[in-house]
Amino acid sequence: MTKDDQLLAEMARRNWIILAVLVLLSLFWQSASISLGVLAGGLLVIFNYRWLGRSLLKLISDPQLHSAKGFTRNYYFRLIVVASAIYLLLVRGGVHPLALVIGLSVVVLNLLVATLKRLY
């Protein structure tokens, strides 16, 4: 396993750890809409991050078979799926908007931690 593969595996585990910590912190508000918002946002962003990673791996592994147009099409499809999920969560799901944003920040927090670890 290369150093980059180890970093990706570590980041994948850390995504779940950060999500668990955020959900546990959200329990202090004793509101189902806040905890559900954090959980739903975290699950959505982790799903989106993995989907993007798989699309990139397909494109990089065999550029002849998987075109840039196909990647772009997949990108827009993924964007529509995520935007629709966010819309449904806010309108029909009854989640708190700020809690959803906090959940959606899981990958950003993970990237910040990974960057700080590499720097120091």
N, C-alpha and C. Protein backbone atom coordinates (compact mmCIF):
# COMPACT_ATOMS: atom_id res chain seq x y z
N MET A 1 0.85 -1.17 0.00
CA MET A 1 0.00 0.00 0.00
C MET A 1 0.90 1.24 0.00
N THR A 2 0.67 2.12 -0.94
CA THR A 2 1.48 3.33 -1.05
C THR A 2 1.09 4.34 0.02
N LYS A 3 1.92 5.36 0.14
CA LYS A 3 1.65 6.40 1.14
C LYS A 3 0.35 7.13 0.82
N ASP A 4 0.08 7.35 -0.47
CA ASP A 4 -1.18 8.01 -0.86
C ASP A 4 -2.39 7.14 -0.54
N ASP A 5 -2.26 5.84 -0.77
CA ASP A 5 -3.37 4.93 -0.43
C ASP A 5 -3.63 4.92 1.07
N GLN A 6 -2.55 4.97 1.86
CA GLN A 6 -2.71 5.01 3.31
C GLN A 6 -3.41 6.29 3.74
N LEU A 7 -3.04 7.41 3.09
CA LEU A 7 -3.68 8.69 3.41
C LEU A 7 -5.17 8.64 3.10
N LEU A 8 -5.53 8.08 1.94
CA LEU A 8 -6.95 7.99 1.57
C LEU A 8 -7.73 7.09 2.52
N ALA A 9 -7.12 5.98 2.92
CA ALA A 9 -7.79 5.07 3.86
C ALA A 9 -7.95 5.74 5.21
N GLU A 10 -6.92 6.47 5.65
CA GLU A 10 -7.00 7.18 6.92
C GLU A 10 -8.07 8.26 6.88
N MET A 11 -8.16 8.97 5.76
CA MET A 11 -9.18 10.01 5.62
C MET A 11 -10.58 9.41 5.60
N ALA A 12 -10.73 8.26 4.97
CA ALA A 12 -12.04 7.61 4.94
C ALA A 12 -12.49 7.24 6.36
N ARG A 13 -11.56 6.71 7.17
CA ARG A 13 -11.90 6.39 8.56
C ARG A 13 -12.19 7.66 9.35
N ARG A 14 -11.38 8.71 9.12
CA ARG A 14 -11.55 9.94 9.87
C ARG A 14 -12.87 10.62 9.54
N ASN A 15 -13.38 10.47 8.31
CA ASN A 15 -14.70 11.02 7.97
C ASN A 15 -15.75 10.49 8.94
N TRP A 16 -15.73 9.19 9.18
CA TRP A 16 -16.72 8.57 10.06
C TRP A 16 -16.52 8.99 11.51
N ILE A 17 -15.27 9.14 11.91
CA ILE A 17 -14.99 9.58 13.29
C ILE A 17 -15.49 11.00 13.51
N ILE A 18 -15.20 11.89 12.56
CA ILE A 18 -15.66 13.28 12.67
C ILE A 18 -17.18 13.33 12.69
N LEU A 19 -17.82 12.54 11.84
CA LEU A 19 -19.29 12.51 11.82
C LEU A 19 -19.83 12.03 13.17
N ALA A 20 -19.24 10.99 13.72
CA ALA A 20 -19.70 10.48 15.01
C ALA A 20 -19.54 11.53 16.11
N VAL A 21 -18.42 12.24 16.11
CA VAL A 21 -18.20 13.28 17.12
C VAL A 21 -19.23 14.40 16.97
N LEU A 22 -19.47 14.82 15.73
CA LEU A 22 -20.44 15.89 15.51
C LEU A 22 -21.86 15.47 15.92
N VAL A 23 -22.22 14.24 15.62
CA VAL A 23 -23.55 13.75 16.01
C VAL A 23 -23.65 13.68 17.54
N LEU A 24 -22.60 13.20 18.20
CA LEU A 24 -22.62 13.15 19.67
C LEU A 24 -22.72 14.55 20.26
N LEU A 25 -22.02 15.51 19.67
CA LEU A 25 -22.12 16.89 20.15
C LEU A 25 -23.52 17.46 19.91
N SER A 26 -24.15 17.06 18.82
CA SER A 26 -25.49 17.57 18.52
C SER A 26 -26.54 17.04 19.49
N LEU A 27 -26.25 15.94 20.15
CA LEU A 27 -27.20 15.38 21.11
C LEU A 27 -27.38 16.29 22.33
N PHE A 28 -26.43 17.18 22.59
CA PHE A 28 -26.56 18.10 23.72
C PHE A 28 -27.74 19.06 23.53
N TRP A 29 -28.13 19.32 22.30
CA TRP A 29 -29.27 20.22 22.06
C TRP A 29 -30.60 19.53 22.31
N GLN A 30 -30.59 18.23 22.42
CA GLN A 30 -31.78 17.43 22.67
C GLN A 30 -32.89 17.72 21.68
N SER A 31 -32.50 17.87 20.44
CA SER A 31 -33.46 18.13 19.38
C SER A 31 -33.22 17.12 18.26
N ALA A 32 -34.27 16.41 17.91
CA ALA A 32 -34.15 15.41 16.85
C ALA A 32 -33.82 16.06 15.51
N SER A 33 -34.36 17.25 15.25
CA SER A 33 -34.10 17.89 13.95
C SER A 33 -32.64 18.31 13.81
N ILE A 34 -32.01 18.68 14.92
CA ILE A 34 -30.59 19.06 14.86
C ILE A 34 -29.72 17.82 14.68
N SER A 35 -29.94 16.80 15.48
CA SER A 35 -29.14 15.58 15.35
C SER A 35 -29.34 14.92 14.00
N LEU A 36 -30.58 14.89 13.54
CA LEU A 36 -30.86 14.32 12.23
C LEU A 36 -30.22 15.13 11.12
N GLY A 37 -30.19 16.46 11.26
CA GLY A 37 -29.57 17.31 10.26
C GLY A 37 -28.07 17.07 10.15
N VAL A 38 -27.41 16.96 11.30
CA VAL A 38 -25.97 16.69 11.31
C VAL A 38 -25.69 15.32 10.69
N LEU A 39 -26.46 14.33 11.11
CA LEU A 39 -26.27 12.97 10.58
C LEU A 39 -26.54 12.91 9.08
N ALA A 40 -27.64 13.48 8.64
CA ALA A 40 -28.00 13.43 7.22
C ALA A 40 -26.97 14.18 6.37
N GLY A 41 -26.54 15.34 6.83
CA GLY A 41 -25.54 16.10 6.09
C GLY A 41 -24.23 15.36 6.00
N GLY A 42 -23.81 14.74 7.11
CA GLY A 42 -22.57 13.97 7.11
C GLY A 42 -22.63 12.77 6.19
N LEU A 43 -23.72 12.03 6.26
CA LEU A 43 -23.87 10.86 5.38
C LEU A 43 -23.89 11.28 3.91
N LEU A 44 -24.58 12.37 3.64
CA LEU A 44 -24.67 12.84 2.26
C LEU A 44 -23.31 13.26 1.72
N VAL A 45 -22.54 13.98 2.51
CA VAL A 45 -21.25 14.46 2.02
C VAL A 45 -20.24 13.30 1.91
N ILE A 46 -20.30 12.34 2.82
CA ILE A 46 -19.40 11.18 2.71
C ILE A 46 -19.75 10.37 1.48
N PHE A 47 -21.04 10.17 1.24
CA PHE A 47 -21.49 9.47 0.03
C PHE A 47 -21.01 10.19 -1.23
N ASN A 48 -21.16 11.50 -1.25
CA ASN A 48 -20.75 12.30 -2.40
C ASN A 48 -19.24 12.22 -2.61
N TYR A 49 -18.47 12.28 -1.53
CA TYR A 49 -17.01 12.23 -1.60
C TYR A 49 -16.53 10.89 -2.16
N ARG A 50 -17.15 9.82 -1.70
CA ARG A 50 -16.77 8.48 -2.22
C ARG A 50 -17.16 8.33 -3.68
N TRP A 51 -18.32 8.85 -4.04
CA TRP A 51 -18.78 8.78 -5.43
C TRP A 51 -17.81 9.54 -6.34
N LEU A 52 -17.39 10.71 -5.91
CA LEU A 52 -16.41 11.49 -6.67
C LEU A 52 -15.10 10.73 -6.79
N GLY A 53 -14.64 10.13 -5.71
CA GLY A 53 -13.39 9.37 -5.73
C GLY A 53 -13.44 8.21 -6.70
N ARG A 54 -14.54 7.50 -6.71
CA ARG A 54 -14.67 6.37 -7.64
C ARG A 54 -14.71 6.84 -9.09
N SER A 55 -15.37 7.95 -9.33
CA SER A 55 -15.43 8.49 -10.69
C SER A 55 -14.04 8.90 -11.17
N LEU A 56 -13.29 9.53 -10.29
CA LEU A 56 -11.93 9.94 -10.65
C LEU A 56 -11.02 8.74 -10.88
N LEU A 57 -11.15 7.71 -10.04
CA LEU A 57 -10.34 6.51 -10.22
C LEU A 57 -10.64 5.84 -11.56
N LYS A 58 -11.90 5.78 -11.93
CA LYS A 58 -12.27 5.21 -13.23
C LYS A 58 -11.63 5.98 -14.36
N LEU A 59 -11.71 7.29 -14.27
CA LEU A 59 -11.16 8.15 -15.33
C LEU A 59 -9.65 8.02 -15.41
N ILE A 60 -8.98 8.00 -14.27
CA ILE A 60 -7.52 7.94 -14.26
C ILE A 60 -7.01 6.55 -14.63
N SER A 61 -7.71 5.50 -14.20
CA SER A 61 -7.23 4.14 -14.45
C SER A 61 -7.27 3.77 -15.92
N ASP A 62 -8.28 4.20 -16.64
CA ASP A 62 -8.35 3.89 -18.06
C ASP A 62 -8.98 5.06 -18.81
N PRO A 63 -8.15 6.07 -19.16
CA PRO A 63 -8.70 7.26 -19.82
C PRO A 63 -9.30 6.97 -21.20
N GLN A 64 -8.86 5.90 -21.85
CA GLN A 64 -9.40 5.56 -23.16
C GLN A 64 -10.84 5.07 -23.05
N LEU A 65 -11.09 4.28 -22.02
CA LEU A 65 -12.41 3.69 -21.85
C LEU A 65 -13.41 4.68 -21.25
N HIS A 66 -12.94 5.48 -20.29
CA HIS A 66 -13.81 6.44 -19.60
C HIS A 66 -13.42 7.84 -20.04
N SER A 67 -14.28 8.49 -20.75
CA SER A 67 -13.96 9.80 -21.31
C SER A 67 -14.19 10.92 -20.30
N ALA A 68 -13.61 12.07 -20.61
CA ALA A 68 -13.83 13.26 -19.78
C ALA A 68 -15.29 13.70 -19.87
N LYS A 69 -15.91 13.47 -21.04
CA LYS A 69 -17.34 13.81 -21.17
C LYS A 69 -18.19 12.97 -20.23
N GLY A 70 -17.86 11.70 -20.11
CA GLY A 70 -18.58 10.82 -19.20
C GLY A 70 -18.41 11.26 -17.75
N PHE A 71 -17.19 11.68 -17.42
CA PHE A 71 -16.93 12.17 -16.07
C PHE A 71 -17.75 13.44 -15.81
N THR A 72 -17.79 14.33 -16.79
CA THR A 72 -18.54 15.58 -16.64
C THR A 72 -20.03 15.28 -16.49
N ARG A 73 -20.54 14.35 -17.29
CA ARG A 73 -21.94 13.96 -17.18
C ARG A 73 -22.23 13.39 -15.79
N ASN A 74 -21.33 12.55 -15.31
CA ASN A 74 -21.48 11.96 -13.98
C ASN A 74 -21.42 13.05 -12.91
N TYR A 75 -20.57 14.04 -13.12
CA TYR A 75 -20.44 15.15 -12.17
C TYR A 75 -21.76 15.91 -12.05
N TYR A 76 -22.36 16.24 -13.18
CA TYR A 76 -23.63 16.96 -13.15
C TYR A 76 -24.75 16.11 -12.56
N PHE A 77 -24.75 14.81 -12.88
CA PHE A 77 -25.75 13.92 -12.31
C PHE A 77 -25.61 13.86 -10.79
N ARG A 78 -24.35 13.74 -10.31
CA ARG A 78 -24.10 13.71 -8.87
C ARG A 78 -24.54 15.02 -8.22
N LEU A 79 -24.28 16.14 -8.89
CA LEU A 79 -24.69 17.44 -8.36
C LEU A 79 -26.21 17.52 -8.23
N ILE A 80 -26.93 17.03 -9.23
CA ILE A 80 -28.40 17.04 -9.18
C ILE A 80 -28.90 16.14 -8.06
N VAL A 81 -28.28 14.97 -7.89
CA VAL A 81 -28.71 14.05 -6.82
C VAL A 81 -28.49 14.68 -5.45
N VAL A 82 -27.32 15.28 -5.25
CA VAL A 82 -27.03 15.88 -3.94
C VAL A 82 -27.92 17.09 -3.69
N ALA A 83 -28.10 17.93 -4.69
CA ALA A 83 -28.96 19.11 -4.52
C ALA A 83 -30.40 18.68 -4.23
N SER A 84 -30.88 17.65 -4.90
CA SER A 84 -32.23 17.14 -4.64
C SER A 84 -32.35 16.59 -3.23
N ALA A 85 -31.32 15.88 -2.79
CA ALA A 85 -31.35 15.33 -1.43
C ALA A 85 -31.36 16.45 -0.40
N ILE A 86 -30.57 17.48 -0.61
CA ILE A 86 -30.55 18.61 0.32
C ILE A 86 -31.91 19.30 0.33
N TYR A 87 -32.48 19.49 -0.84
CA TYR A 87 -33.81 20.12 -0.93
C TYR A 87 -34.85 19.29 -0.17
N LEU A 88 -34.85 18.00 -0.41
CA LEU A 88 -35.83 17.13 0.26
C LEU A 88 -35.63 17.10 1.77
N LEU A 89 -34.36 17.11 2.20
CA LEU A 89 -34.09 17.12 3.63
C LEU A 89 -34.59 18.39 4.28
N LEU A 90 -34.43 19.52 3.61
CA LEU A 90 -34.86 20.79 4.18
C LEU A 90 -36.37 20.97 4.12
N VAL A 91 -36.98 20.58 3.01
CA VAL A 91 -38.41 20.82 2.82
C VAL A 91 -39.27 19.73 3.47
N ARG A 92 -38.92 18.49 3.22
CA ARG A 92 -39.75 17.38 3.70
C ARG A 92 -39.18 16.66 4.92
N GLY A 93 -37.86 16.74 5.09
CA GLY A 93 -37.21 15.96 6.14
C GLY A 93 -37.28 16.56 7.51
N GLY A 94 -37.54 17.84 7.58
CA GLY A 94 -37.65 18.49 8.88
C GLY A 94 -36.33 18.64 9.62
N VAL A 95 -35.23 18.73 8.89
CA VAL A 95 -33.94 18.90 9.54
C VAL A 95 -33.65 20.39 9.71
N HIS A 96 -32.84 20.70 10.69
CA HIS A 96 -32.47 22.08 10.95
C HIS A 96 -31.41 22.49 9.90
N PRO A 97 -31.61 23.62 9.21
CA PRO A 97 -30.67 24.02 8.14
C PRO A 97 -29.23 24.19 8.60
N LEU A 98 -29.02 24.80 9.75
CA LEU A 98 -27.67 25.01 10.24
C LEU A 98 -27.01 23.67 10.61
N ALA A 99 -27.79 22.77 11.17
CA ALA A 99 -27.28 21.44 11.51
C ALA A 99 -26.90 20.68 10.23
N LEU A 100 -27.68 20.85 9.18
CA LEU A 100 -27.36 20.22 7.91
C LEU A 100 -26.03 20.76 7.37
N VAL A 101 -25.83 22.05 7.47
CA VAL A 101 -24.57 22.65 7.02
C VAL A 101 -23.39 22.11 7.82
N ILE A 102 -23.58 21.97 9.12
CA ILE A 102 -22.51 21.42 9.96
C ILE A 102 -22.21 19.98 9.55
N GLY A 103 -23.23 19.21 9.27
CA GLY A 103 -23.01 17.84 8.80
C GLY A 103 -22.31 17.80 7.46
N LEU A 104 -22.66 18.74 6.59
CA LEU A 104 -22.04 18.79 5.26
C LEU A 104 -20.57 19.21 5.33
N SER A 105 -20.13 19.71 6.47
CA SER A 105 -18.74 20.17 6.60
C SER A 105 -17.79 19.06 7.06
N VAL A 106 -18.25 17.84 7.17
CA VAL A 106 -17.41 16.73 7.65
C VAL A 106 -16.15 16.58 6.80
N VAL A 107 -16.30 16.54 5.50
CA VAL A 107 -15.14 16.33 4.62
C VAL A 107 -14.21 17.54 4.66
N VAL A 108 -14.77 18.73 4.76
CA VAL A 108 -13.94 19.93 4.85
C VAL A 108 -13.11 19.89 6.13
N LEU A 109 -13.72 19.52 7.23
CA LEU A 109 -12.98 19.39 8.49
C LEU A 109 -11.91 18.32 8.38
N ASN A 110 -12.22 17.24 7.71
CA ASN A 110 -11.26 16.16 7.52
C ASN A 110 -10.07 16.64 6.69
N LEU A 111 -10.34 17.38 5.63
CA LEU A 111 -9.25 17.90 4.80
C LEU A 111 -8.39 18.88 5.60
N LEU A 112 -9.00 19.66 6.45
CA LEU A 112 -8.26 20.59 7.31
C LEU A 112 -7.34 19.82 8.27
N VAL A 113 -7.88 18.77 8.89
CA VAL A 113 -7.07 17.95 9.80
C VAL A 113 -5.93 17.29 9.05
N ALA A 114 -6.20 16.75 7.87
CA ALA A 114 -5.14 16.08 7.08
C ALA A 114 -4.05 17.07 6.69
N THR A 115 -4.45 18.28 6.32
CA THR A 115 -3.47 19.29 5.95
C THR A 115 -2.61 19.69 7.14
N LEU A 116 -3.25 19.91 8.28
CA LEU A 116 -2.50 20.28 9.47
C LEU A 116 -1.56 19.15 9.92
N LYS A 117 -2.01 17.90 9.77
CA LYS A 117 -1.14 16.76 10.12
C LYS A 117 0.08 16.72 9.21
N ARG A 118 -0.11 16.99 7.95
CA ARG A 118 1.01 16.97 7.01
C ARG A 118 1.98 18.12 7.24
N LEU A 119 1.45 19.26 7.67
CA LEU A 119 2.30 20.41 7.91
C LEU A 119 3.13 20.28 9.18
N TYR A 120 2.56 19.66 10.20
CA TYR A 120 3.25 19.58 11.49
C TYR A 120 3.56 18.19 11.84
